mmCIF file of all heavy atoms, coordinates in Angstrom:
data_MODEL
# 
_entry.id   MODEL 
# 
loop_
_atom_site.group_PDB 
_atom_site.id 
_atom_site.type_symbol 
_atom_site.label_atom_id 
_atom_site.label_alt_id 
_atom_site.label_comp_id 
_atom_site.label_asym_id 
_atom_site.label_entity_id 
_atom_site.label_seq_id 
_atom_site.pdbx_PDB_ins_code 
_atom_site.Cartn_x 
_atom_site.Cartn_y 
_atom_site.Cartn_z 
_atom_site.occupancy 
_atom_site.B_iso_or_equiv 
_atom_site.pdbx_formal_charge 
_atom_site.auth_seq_id 
_atom_site.auth_comp_id 
_atom_site.auth_asym_id 
_atom_site.auth_atom_id 
_atom_site.pdbx_PDB_model_num 
ATOM 1   N N   . GLY A 1 1  ? 43.841 -20.167 30.429 1.00 0.00 ? 1  GLY A N   1 
ATOM 2   C CA  . GLY A 1 1  ? 44.963 -20.959 30.872 1.00 0.00 ? 1  GLY A CA  1 
ATOM 3   C C   . GLY A 1 1  ? 45.397 -22.008 29.902 1.00 0.00 ? 1  GLY A C   1 
ATOM 4   O O   . GLY A 1 1  ? 46.274 -22.818 30.210 1.00 0.00 ? 1  GLY A O   1 
ATOM 5   N N   . ASN A 1 2  ? 44.759 -22.170 28.770 1.00 0.00 ? 2  ASN A N   1 
ATOM 6   C CA  . ASN A 1 2  ? 45.110 -23.189 27.790 1.00 0.00 ? 2  ASN A CA  1 
ATOM 7   C C   . ASN A 1 2  ? 46.388 -22.779 27.076 1.00 0.00 ? 2  ASN A C   1 
ATOM 8   O O   . ASN A 1 2  ? 46.622 -21.595 26.765 1.00 0.00 ? 2  ASN A O   1 
ATOM 9   C CB  . ASN A 1 2  ? 43.996 -23.373 26.784 1.00 0.00 ? 2  ASN A CB  1 
ATOM 10  C CG  . ASN A 1 2  ? 42.750 -23.991 27.449 1.00 0.00 ? 2  ASN A CG  1 
ATOM 11  O OD1 . ASN A 1 2  ? 42.853 -24.804 28.387 1.00 0.00 ? 2  ASN A OD1 1 
ATOM 12  N ND2 . ASN A 1 2  ? 41.574 -23.639 26.950 1.00 0.00 ? 2  ASN A ND2 1 
ATOM 13  N N   . VAL A 1 3  ? 47.181 -23.828 26.731 1.00 0.00 ? 3  VAL A N   1 
ATOM 14  C CA  . VAL A 1 3  ? 48.434 -23.613 25.979 1.00 0.00 ? 3  VAL A CA  1 
ATOM 15  C C   . VAL A 1 3  ? 48.207 -24.107 24.567 1.00 0.00 ? 3  VAL A C   1 
ATOM 16  O O   . VAL A 1 3  ? 47.701 -25.202 24.385 1.00 0.00 ? 3  VAL A O   1 
ATOM 17  C CB  . VAL A 1 3  ? 49.615 -24.358 26.639 1.00 0.00 ? 3  VAL A CB  1 
ATOM 18  C CG1 . VAL A 1 3  ? 50.878 -24.184 25.802 1.00 0.00 ? 3  VAL A CG1 1 
ATOM 19  C CG2 . VAL A 1 3  ? 49.836 -23.854 28.051 1.00 0.00 ? 3  VAL A CG2 1 
ATOM 20  N N   . PHE A 1 4  ? 48.654 -23.261 23.653 1.00 0.00 ? 4  PHE A N   1 
ATOM 21  C CA  . PHE A 1 4  ? 48.509 -23.673 22.249 1.00 0.00 ? 4  PHE A CA  1 
ATOM 22  C C   . PHE A 1 4  ? 49.751 -23.236 21.520 1.00 0.00 ? 4  PHE A C   1 
ATOM 23  O O   . PHE A 1 4  ? 50.456 -22.300 21.911 1.00 0.00 ? 4  PHE A O   1 
ATOM 24  C CB  . PHE A 1 4  ? 47.220 -23.118 21.600 1.00 0.00 ? 4  PHE A CB  1 
ATOM 25  C CG  . PHE A 1 4  ? 47.113 -21.608 21.704 1.00 0.00 ? 4  PHE A CG  1 
ATOM 26  C CD1 . PHE A 1 4  ? 47.580 -20.808 20.697 1.00 0.00 ? 4  PHE A CD1 1 
ATOM 27  C CD2 . PHE A 1 4  ? 46.524 -21.026 22.833 1.00 0.00 ? 4  PHE A CD2 1 
ATOM 28  C CE1 . PHE A 1 4  ? 47.448 -19.470 20.849 1.00 0.00 ? 4  PHE A CE1 1 
ATOM 29  C CE2 . PHE A 1 4  ? 46.426 -19.671 22.942 1.00 0.00 ? 4  PHE A CE2 1 
ATOM 30  C CZ  . PHE A 1 4  ? 46.917 -18.847 21.906 1.00 0.00 ? 4  PHE A CZ  1 
ATOM 31  N N   . SER A 1 5  ? 49.964 -24.004 20.395 1.00 0.00 ? 5  SER A N   1 
ATOM 32  C CA  . SER A 1 5  ? 51.196 -23.784 19.576 1.00 0.00 ? 5  SER A CA  1 
ATOM 33  C C   . SER A 1 5  ? 50.846 -22.930 18.374 1.00 0.00 ? 5  SER A C   1 
ATOM 34  O O   . SER A 1 5  ? 49.788 -23.119 17.753 1.00 0.00 ? 5  SER A O   1 
ATOM 35  C CB  . SER A 1 5  ? 51.800 -25.121 19.125 1.00 0.00 ? 5  SER A CB  1 
ATOM 36  O OG  . SER A 1 5  ? 52.196 -25.888 20.236 1.00 0.00 ? 5  SER A OG  1 
ATOM 37  N N   . VAL A 1 6  ? 51.824 -22.029 18.060 1.00 0.00 ? 6  VAL A N   1 
ATOM 38  C CA  . VAL A 1 6  ? 51.683 -21.156 16.862 1.00 0.00 ? 6  VAL A CA  1 
ATOM 39  C C   . VAL A 1 6  ? 53.013 -21.153 16.109 1.00 0.00 ? 6  VAL A C   1 
ATOM 40  O O   . VAL A 1 6  ? 54.077 -21.383 16.685 1.00 0.00 ? 6  VAL A O   1 
ATOM 41  C CB  . VAL A 1 6  ? 51.287 -19.723 17.240 1.00 0.00 ? 6  VAL A CB  1 
ATOM 42  C CG1 . VAL A 1 6  ? 49.889 -19.695 17.849 1.00 0.00 ? 6  VAL A CG1 1 
ATOM 43  C CG2 . VAL A 1 6  ? 52.303 -19.107 18.183 1.00 0.00 ? 6  VAL A CG2 1 
ATOM 44  N N   . ASP A 1 7  ? 52.874 -20.984 14.816 1.00 0.00 ? 7  ASP A N   1 
ATOM 45  C CA  . ASP A 1 7  ? 54.125 -20.925 14.003 1.00 0.00 ? 7  ASP A CA  1 
ATOM 46  C C   . ASP A 1 7  ? 54.781 -19.544 14.163 1.00 0.00 ? 7  ASP A C   1 
ATOM 47  O O   . ASP A 1 7  ? 54.251 -18.626 14.818 1.00 0.00 ? 7  ASP A O   1 
ATOM 48  C CB  . ASP A 1 7  ? 53.830 -21.253 12.557 1.00 0.00 ? 7  ASP A CB  1 
ATOM 49  C CG  . ASP A 1 7  ? 52.786 -20.323 11.964 1.00 0.00 ? 7  ASP A CG  1 
ATOM 50  O OD1 . ASP A 1 7  ? 52.429 -19.292 12.624 1.00 0.00 ? 7  ASP A OD1 1 
ATOM 51  O OD2 . ASP A 1 7  ? 52.373 -20.490 10.806 1.00 0.00 ? 7  ASP A OD2 1 
ATOM 52  N N   . GLU A 1 8  ? 55.928 -19.414 13.542 1.00 0.00 ? 8  GLU A N   1 
ATOM 53  C CA  . GLU A 1 8  ? 56.738 -18.200 13.676 1.00 0.00 ? 8  GLU A CA  1 
ATOM 54  C C   . GLU A 1 8  ? 55.987 -16.997 13.127 1.00 0.00 ? 8  GLU A C   1 
ATOM 55  O O   . GLU A 1 8  ? 56.018 -15.906 13.714 1.00 0.00 ? 8  GLU A O   1 
ATOM 56  C CB  . GLU A 1 8  ? 58.090 -18.370 12.940 1.00 0.00 ? 8  GLU A CB  1 
ATOM 57  C CG  . GLU A 1 8  ? 59.002 -19.371 13.588 1.00 0.00 ? 8  GLU A CG  1 
ATOM 58  C CD  . GLU A 1 8  ? 59.526 -18.928 14.920 1.00 0.00 ? 8  GLU A CD  1 
ATOM 59  O OE1 . GLU A 1 8  ? 59.597 -17.691 15.177 1.00 0.00 ? 8  GLU A OE1 1 
ATOM 60  O OE2 . GLU A 1 8  ? 59.899 -19.772 15.725 1.00 0.00 ? 8  GLU A OE2 1 
ATOM 61  N N   . ALA A 1 9  ? 55.310 -17.137 12.004 1.00 0.00 ? 9  ALA A N   1 
ATOM 62  C CA  . ALA A 1 9  ? 54.625 -16.014 11.380 1.00 0.00 ? 9  ALA A CA  1 
ATOM 63  C C   . ALA A 1 9  ? 53.503 -15.517 12.256 1.00 0.00 ? 9  ALA A C   1 
ATOM 64  O O   . ALA A 1 9  ? 53.333 -14.309 12.491 1.00 0.00 ? 9  ALA A O   1 
ATOM 65  C CB  . ALA A 1 9  ? 54.112 -16.394 9.983  1.00 0.00 ? 9  ALA A CB  1 
ATOM 66  N N   . ASP A 1 10 ? 52.723 -16.469 12.815 1.00 0.00 ? 10 ASP A N   1 
ATOM 67  C CA  . ASP A 1 10 ? 51.613 -16.066 13.640 1.00 0.00 ? 10 ASP A CA  1 
ATOM 68  C C   . ASP A 1 10 ? 52.127 -15.431 14.942 1.00 0.00 ? 10 ASP A C   1 
ATOM 69  O O   . ASP A 1 10 ? 51.534 -14.482 15.478 1.00 0.00 ? 10 ASP A O   1 
ATOM 70  C CB  . ASP A 1 10 ? 50.736 -17.287 13.970 1.00 0.00 ? 10 ASP A CB  1 
ATOM 71  C CG  . ASP A 1 10 ? 50.015 -17.825 12.724 1.00 0.00 ? 10 ASP A CG  1 
ATOM 72  O OD1 . ASP A 1 10 ? 49.811 -16.982 11.784 1.00 0.00 ? 10 ASP A OD1 1 
ATOM 73  O OD2 . ASP A 1 10 ? 49.672 -18.997 12.683 1.00 0.00 ? 10 ASP A OD2 1 
ATOM 74  N N   . TYR A 1 11 ? 53.258 -15.997 15.458 1.00 0.00 ? 11 TYR A N   1 
ATOM 75  C CA  . TYR A 1 11 ? 53.837 -15.484 16.672 1.00 0.00 ? 11 TYR A CA  1 
ATOM 76  C C   . TYR A 1 11 ? 54.254 -14.049 16.496 1.00 0.00 ? 11 TYR A C   1 
ATOM 77  O O   . TYR A 1 11 ? 53.978 -13.180 17.332 1.00 0.00 ? 11 TYR A O   1 
ATOM 78  C CB  . TYR A 1 11 ? 55.015 -16.352 17.088 1.00 0.00 ? 11 TYR A CB  1 
ATOM 79  C CG  . TYR A 1 11 ? 55.685 -15.894 18.370 1.00 0.00 ? 11 TYR A CG  1 
ATOM 80  C CD1 . TYR A 1 11 ? 55.098 -16.189 19.614 1.00 0.00 ? 11 TYR A CD1 1 
ATOM 81  C CD2 . TYR A 1 11 ? 56.869 -15.167 18.314 1.00 0.00 ? 11 TYR A CD2 1 
ATOM 82  C CE1 . TYR A 1 11 ? 55.699 -15.739 20.764 1.00 0.00 ? 11 TYR A CE1 1 
ATOM 83  C CE2 . TYR A 1 11 ? 57.463 -14.731 19.467 1.00 0.00 ? 11 TYR A CE2 1 
ATOM 84  C CZ  . TYR A 1 11 ? 56.885 -15.017 20.705 1.00 0.00 ? 11 TYR A CZ  1 
ATOM 85  O OH  . TYR A 1 11 ? 57.511 -14.574 21.859 1.00 0.00 ? 11 TYR A OH  1 
ATOM 86  N N   . ALA A 1 12 ? 54.935 -13.811 15.356 1.00 0.00 ? 12 ALA A N   1 
ATOM 87  C CA  . ALA A 1 12 ? 55.397 -12.450 15.078 1.00 0.00 ? 12 ALA A CA  1 
ATOM 88  C C   . ALA A 1 12 ? 54.231 -11.505 14.938 1.00 0.00 ? 12 ALA A C   1 
ATOM 89  O O   . ALA A 1 12 ? 54.248 -10.366 15.423 1.00 0.00 ? 12 ALA A O   1 
ATOM 90  C CB  . ALA A 1 12 ? 56.282 -12.419 13.817 1.00 0.00 ? 12 ALA A CB  1 
ATOM 91  N N   . SER A 1 13 ? 53.103 -11.977 14.334 1.00 0.00 ? 13 SER A N   1 
ATOM 92  C CA  . SER A 1 13 ? 51.948 -11.124 14.127 1.00 0.00 ? 13 SER A CA  1 
ATOM 93  C C   . SER A 1 13 ? 51.297 -10.789 15.452 1.00 0.00 ? 13 SER A C   1 
ATOM 94  O O   . SER A 1 13 ? 50.907 -9.647  15.720 1.00 0.00 ? 13 SER A O   1 
ATOM 95  C CB  . SER A 1 13 ? 50.960 -11.816 13.197 1.00 0.00 ? 13 SER A CB  1 
ATOM 96  O OG  . SER A 1 13 ? 49.791 -11.046 13.082 1.00 0.00 ? 13 SER A OG  1 
ATOM 97  N N   . ILE A 1 14 ? 51.229 -11.799 16.364 1.00 0.00 ? 14 ILE A N   1 
ATOM 98  C CA  . ILE A 1 14 ? 50.604 -11.585 17.653 1.00 0.00 ? 14 ILE A CA  1 
ATOM 99  C C   . ILE A 1 14 ? 51.442 -10.628 18.469 1.00 0.00 ? 14 ILE A C   1 
ATOM 100 O O   . ILE A 1 14 ? 50.921 -9.709  19.134 1.00 0.00 ? 14 ILE A O   1 
ATOM 101 C CB  . ILE A 1 14 ? 50.435 -12.913 18.382 1.00 0.00 ? 14 ILE A CB  1 
ATOM 102 C CG1 . ILE A 1 14 ? 49.391 -13.798 17.661 1.00 0.00 ? 14 ILE A CG1 1 
ATOM 103 C CG2 . ILE A 1 14 ? 50.026 -12.722 19.835 1.00 0.00 ? 14 ILE A CG2 1 
ATOM 104 C CD1 . ILE A 1 14 ? 49.343 -15.251 18.146 1.00 0.00 ? 14 ILE A CD1 1 
ATOM 105 N N   . VAL A 1 15 ? 52.784 -10.833 18.453 1.00 0.00 ? 15 VAL A N   1 
ATOM 106 C CA  . VAL A 1 15 ? 53.670 -9.949  19.224 1.00 0.00 ? 15 VAL A CA  1 
ATOM 107 C C   . VAL A 1 15 ? 53.554 -8.522  18.730 1.00 0.00 ? 15 VAL A C   1 
ATOM 108 O O   . VAL A 1 15 ? 53.497 -7.563  19.499 1.00 0.00 ? 15 VAL A O   1 
ATOM 109 C CB  . VAL A 1 15 ? 55.131 -10.435 19.127 1.00 0.00 ? 15 VAL A CB  1 
ATOM 110 C CG1 . VAL A 1 15 ? 56.102 -9.412  19.704 1.00 0.00 ? 15 VAL A CG1 1 
ATOM 111 C CG2 . VAL A 1 15 ? 55.290 -11.772 19.864 1.00 0.00 ? 15 VAL A CG2 1 
ATOM 112 N N   . SER A 1 16 ? 53.444 -8.366  17.406 1.00 0.00 ? 16 SER A N   1 
ATOM 113 C CA  . SER A 1 16 ? 53.332 -7.024  16.824 1.00 0.00 ? 16 SER A CA  1 
ATOM 114 C C   . SER A 1 16 ? 52.050 -6.359  17.255 1.00 0.00 ? 16 SER A C   1 
ATOM 115 O O   . SER A 1 16 ? 52.039 -5.161  17.593 1.00 0.00 ? 16 SER A O   1 
ATOM 116 C CB  . SER A 1 16 ? 53.402 -7.122  15.305 1.00 0.00 ? 16 SER A CB  1 
ATOM 117 O OG  . SER A 1 16 ? 53.205 -5.863  14.705 1.00 0.00 ? 16 SER A OG  1 
ATOM 118 N N   . GLN A 1 17 ? 50.964 -7.108  17.285 1.00 0.00 ? 17 GLN A N   1 
ATOM 119 C CA  . GLN A 1 17 ? 49.694 -6.521  17.683 1.00 0.00 ? 17 GLN A CA  1 
ATOM 120 C C   . GLN A 1 17 ? 49.738 -6.103  19.147 1.00 0.00 ? 17 GLN A C   1 
ATOM 121 O O   . GLN A 1 17 ? 49.238 -5.018  19.519 1.00 0.00 ? 17 GLN A O   1 
ATOM 122 C CB  . GLN A 1 17 ? 48.571 -7.526  17.458 1.00 0.00 ? 17 GLN A CB  1 
ATOM 123 C CG  . GLN A 1 17 ? 48.283 -7.767  15.999 1.00 0.00 ? 17 GLN A CG  1 
ATOM 124 C CD  . GLN A 1 17 ? 47.208 -8.853  15.792 1.00 0.00 ? 17 GLN A CD  1 
ATOM 125 O OE1 . GLN A 1 17 ? 46.599 -9.390  16.772 1.00 0.00 ? 17 GLN A OE1 1 
ATOM 126 N NE2 . GLN A 1 17 ? 46.979 -9.220  14.537 1.00 0.00 ? 17 GLN A NE2 1 
ATOM 127 N N   . VAL A 1 18 ? 50.357 -6.980  19.988 1.00 0.00 ? 18 VAL A N   1 
ATOM 128 C CA  . VAL A 1 18 ? 50.419 -6.672  21.397 1.00 0.00 ? 18 VAL A CA  1 
ATOM 129 C C   . VAL A 1 18 ? 51.253 -5.413  21.615 1.00 0.00 ? 18 VAL A C   1 
ATOM 130 O O   . VAL A 1 18 ? 50.900 -4.505  22.362 1.00 0.00 ? 18 VAL A O   1 
ATOM 131 C CB  . VAL A 1 18 ? 50.983 -7.871  22.195 1.00 0.00 ? 18 VAL A CB  1 
ATOM 132 C CG1 . VAL A 1 18 ? 51.266 -7.486  23.645 1.00 0.00 ? 18 VAL A CG1 1 
ATOM 133 C CG2 . VAL A 1 18 ? 50.008 -9.046  22.141 1.00 0.00 ? 18 VAL A CG2 1 
ATOM 134 N N   . LYS A 1 19 ? 52.409 -5.366  20.944 1.00 0.00 ? 19 LYS A N   1 
ATOM 135 C CA  . LYS A 1 19 ? 53.307 -4.192  21.092 1.00 0.00 ? 19 LYS A CA  1 
ATOM 136 C C   . LYS A 1 19 ? 52.641 -2.926  20.602 1.00 0.00 ? 19 LYS A C   1 
ATOM 137 O O   . LYS A 1 19 ? 52.731 -1.876  21.234 1.00 0.00 ? 19 LYS A O   1 
ATOM 138 C CB  . LYS A 1 19 ? 54.614 -4.425  20.345 1.00 0.00 ? 19 LYS A CB  1 
ATOM 139 C CG  . LYS A 1 19 ? 55.509 -5.431  21.051 1.00 0.00 ? 19 LYS A CG  1 
ATOM 140 C CD  . LYS A 1 19 ? 56.831 -5.574  20.286 1.00 0.00 ? 19 LYS A CD  1 
ATOM 141 C CE  . LYS A 1 19 ? 57.785 -6.515  21.039 1.00 0.00 ? 19 LYS A CE  1 
ATOM 142 N NZ  . LYS A 1 19 ? 59.064 -6.654  20.330 1.00 0.00 ? 19 LYS A NZ  1 
ATOM 143 N N   . ASN A 1 20 ? 51.954 -2.950  19.483 1.00 0.00 ? 20 ASN A N   1 
ATOM 144 C CA  . ASN A 1 20 ? 51.291 -1.761  18.950 1.00 0.00 ? 20 ASN A CA  1 
ATOM 145 C C   . ASN A 1 20 ? 50.236 -1.253  19.901 1.00 0.00 ? 20 ASN A C   1 
ATOM 146 O O   . ASN A 1 20 ? 50.091 -0.039  20.120 1.00 0.00 ? 20 ASN A O   1 
ATOM 147 C CB  . ASN A 1 20 ? 50.661 -2.068  17.588 1.00 0.00 ? 20 ASN A CB  1 
ATOM 148 C CG  . ASN A 1 20 ? 51.743 -2.262  16.491 1.00 0.00 ? 20 ASN A CG  1 
ATOM 149 O OD1 . ASN A 1 20 ? 52.855 -1.768  16.646 1.00 0.00 ? 20 ASN A OD1 1 
ATOM 150 N ND2 . ASN A 1 20 ? 51.402 -2.985  15.434 1.00 0.00 ? 20 ASN A ND2 1 
ATOM 151 N N   . ALA A 1 21 ? 49.484 -2.157  20.515 1.00 0.00 ? 21 ALA A N   1 
ATOM 152 C CA  . ALA A 1 21 ? 48.426 -1.744  21.426 1.00 0.00 ? 21 ALA A CA  1 
ATOM 153 C C   . ALA A 1 21 ? 49.031 -1.092  22.658 1.00 0.00 ? 21 ALA A C   1 
ATOM 154 O O   . ALA A 1 21 ? 48.590 -0.020  23.113 1.00 0.00 ? 21 ALA A O   1 
ATOM 155 C CB  . ALA A 1 21 ? 47.580 -2.933  21.809 1.00 0.00 ? 21 ALA A CB  1 
ATOM 156 N N   . GLU A 1 22 ? 50.114 -1.693  23.186 1.00 0.00 ? 22 GLU A N   1 
ATOM 157 C CA  . GLU A 1 22 ? 50.760 -1.138  24.355 1.00 0.00 ? 22 GLU A CA  1 
ATOM 158 C C   . GLU A 1 22 ? 51.373 0.227   24.039 1.00 0.00 ? 22 GLU A C   1 
ATOM 159 O O   . GLU A 1 22 ? 51.304 1.168   24.845 1.00 0.00 ? 22 GLU A O   1 
ATOM 160 C CB  . GLU A 1 22 ? 51.840 -2.096  24.853 1.00 0.00 ? 22 GLU A CB  1 
ATOM 161 C CG  . GLU A 1 22 ? 51.257 -3.378  25.453 1.00 0.00 ? 22 GLU A CG  1 
ATOM 162 C CD  . GLU A 1 22 ? 52.354 -4.356  25.882 1.00 0.00 ? 22 GLU A CD  1 
ATOM 163 O OE1 . GLU A 1 22 ? 53.552 -4.010  25.569 1.00 0.00 ? 22 GLU A OE1 1 
ATOM 164 O OE2 . GLU A 1 22 ? 52.067 -5.360  26.507 1.00 0.00 ? 22 GLU A OE2 1 
ATOM 165 N N   . PHE A 1 23 ? 51.997 0.325   22.833 1.00 0.00 ? 23 PHE A N   1 
ATOM 166 C CA  . PHE A 1 23 ? 52.666 1.578   22.440 1.00 0.00 ? 23 PHE A CA  1 
ATOM 167 C C   . PHE A 1 23 ? 51.657 2.699   22.304 1.00 0.00 ? 23 PHE A C   1 
ATOM 168 O O   . PHE A 1 23 ? 51.875 3.824   22.776 1.00 0.00 ? 23 PHE A O   1 
ATOM 169 C CB  . PHE A 1 23 ? 53.422 1.353   21.125 1.00 0.00 ? 23 PHE A CB  1 
ATOM 170 C CG  . PHE A 1 23 ? 54.097 2.593   20.608 1.00 0.00 ? 23 PHE A CG  1 
ATOM 171 C CD1 . PHE A 1 23 ? 55.270 3.062   21.173 1.00 0.00 ? 23 PHE A CD1 1 
ATOM 172 C CD2 . PHE A 1 23 ? 53.507 3.315   19.581 1.00 0.00 ? 23 PHE A CD2 1 
ATOM 173 C CE1 . PHE A 1 23 ? 55.834 4.192   20.699 1.00 0.00 ? 23 PHE A CE1 1 
ATOM 174 C CE2 . PHE A 1 23 ? 54.091 4.446   19.115 1.00 0.00 ? 23 PHE A CE2 1 
ATOM 175 C CZ  . PHE A 1 23 ? 55.279 4.914   19.670 1.00 0.00 ? 23 PHE A CZ  1 
ATOM 176 N N   . GLU A 1 24 ? 50.494 2.345   21.726 1.00 0.00 ? 24 GLU A N   1 
ATOM 177 C CA  . GLU A 1 24 ? 49.485 3.378   21.521 1.00 0.00 ? 24 GLU A CA  1 
ATOM 178 C C   . GLU A 1 24 ? 48.916 3.813   22.865 1.00 0.00 ? 24 GLU A C   1 
ATOM 179 O O   . GLU A 1 24 ? 48.685 5.021   23.099 1.00 0.00 ? 24 GLU A O   1 
ATOM 180 C CB  . GLU A 1 24 ? 48.367 2.848   20.631 1.00 0.00 ? 24 GLU A CB  1 
ATOM 181 C CG  . GLU A 1 24 ? 48.782 2.713   19.177 1.00 0.00 ? 24 GLU A CG  1 
ATOM 182 C CD  . GLU A 1 24 ? 47.666 2.133   18.301 1.00 0.00 ? 24 GLU A CD  1 
ATOM 183 O OE1 . GLU A 1 24 ? 46.606 1.826   18.870 1.00 0.00 ? 24 GLU A OE1 1 
ATOM 184 O OE2 . GLU A 1 24 ? 47.887 2.050   17.084 1.00 0.00 ? 24 GLU A OE2 1 
ATOM 185 N N   . ALA A 1 25 ? 48.745 2.826   23.772 1.00 0.00 ? 25 ALA A N   1 
ATOM 186 C CA  . ALA A 1 25 ? 48.216 3.203   25.072 1.00 0.00 ? 25 ALA A CA  1 
ATOM 187 C C   . ALA A 1 25 ? 49.190 4.086   25.803 1.00 0.00 ? 25 ALA A C   1 
ATOM 188 O O   . ALA A 1 25 ? 48.834 5.122   26.406 1.00 0.00 ? 25 ALA A O   1 
ATOM 189 C CB  . ALA A 1 25 ? 47.913 1.930   25.890 1.00 0.00 ? 25 ALA A CB  1 
ATOM 190 N N   . GLU A 1 26 ? 50.470 3.695   25.773 1.00 0.00 ? 26 GLU A N   1 
ATOM 191 C CA  . GLU A 1 26 ? 51.500 4.503   26.446 1.00 0.00 ? 26 GLU A CA  1 
ATOM 192 C C   . GLU A 1 26 ? 51.646 5.856   25.797 1.00 0.00 ? 26 GLU A C   1 
ATOM 193 O O   . GLU A 1 26 ? 51.817 6.879   26.479 1.00 0.00 ? 26 GLU A O   1 
ATOM 194 C CB  . GLU A 1 26 ? 52.838 3.741   26.425 1.00 0.00 ? 26 GLU A CB  1 
ATOM 195 C CG  . GLU A 1 26 ? 53.910 4.458   27.245 1.00 0.00 ? 26 GLU A CG  1 
ATOM 196 C CD  . GLU A 1 26 ? 55.187 3.651   27.278 1.00 0.00 ? 26 GLU A CD  1 
ATOM 197 O OE1 . GLU A 1 26 ? 55.238 2.534   26.703 1.00 0.00 ? 26 GLU A OE1 1 
ATOM 198 O OE2 . GLU A 1 26 ? 56.172 4.145   27.878 1.00 0.00 ? 26 GLU A OE2 1 
ATOM 199 N N   . LEU A 1 27 ? 51.522 5.876   24.444 1.00 0.00 ? 27 LEU A N   1 
ATOM 200 C CA  . LEU A 1 27 ? 51.641 7.134   23.723 1.00 0.00 ? 27 LEU A CA  1 
ATOM 201 C C   . LEU A 1 27 ? 50.518 8.084   24.109 1.00 0.00 ? 27 LEU A C   1 
ATOM 202 O O   . LEU A 1 27 ? 50.760 9.295   24.339 1.00 0.00 ? 27 LEU A O   1 
ATOM 203 C CB  . LEU A 1 27 ? 51.635 6.868   22.221 1.00 0.00 ? 27 LEU A CB  1 
ATOM 204 C CG  . LEU A 1 27 ? 51.747 8.111   21.324 1.00 0.00 ? 27 LEU A CG  1 
ATOM 205 C CD1 . LEU A 1 27 ? 53.069 8.843   21.574 1.00 0.00 ? 27 LEU A CD1 1 
ATOM 206 C CD2 . LEU A 1 27 ? 51.630 7.706   19.834 1.00 0.00 ? 27 LEU A CD2 1 
# 
């Protein structure tokens, strides 16, 4: 439940990892 701040680069990297994992699972 903790909130933490990330810069744009890290945000993009995290979103990419999340999307890739979901895509592979769905695939």
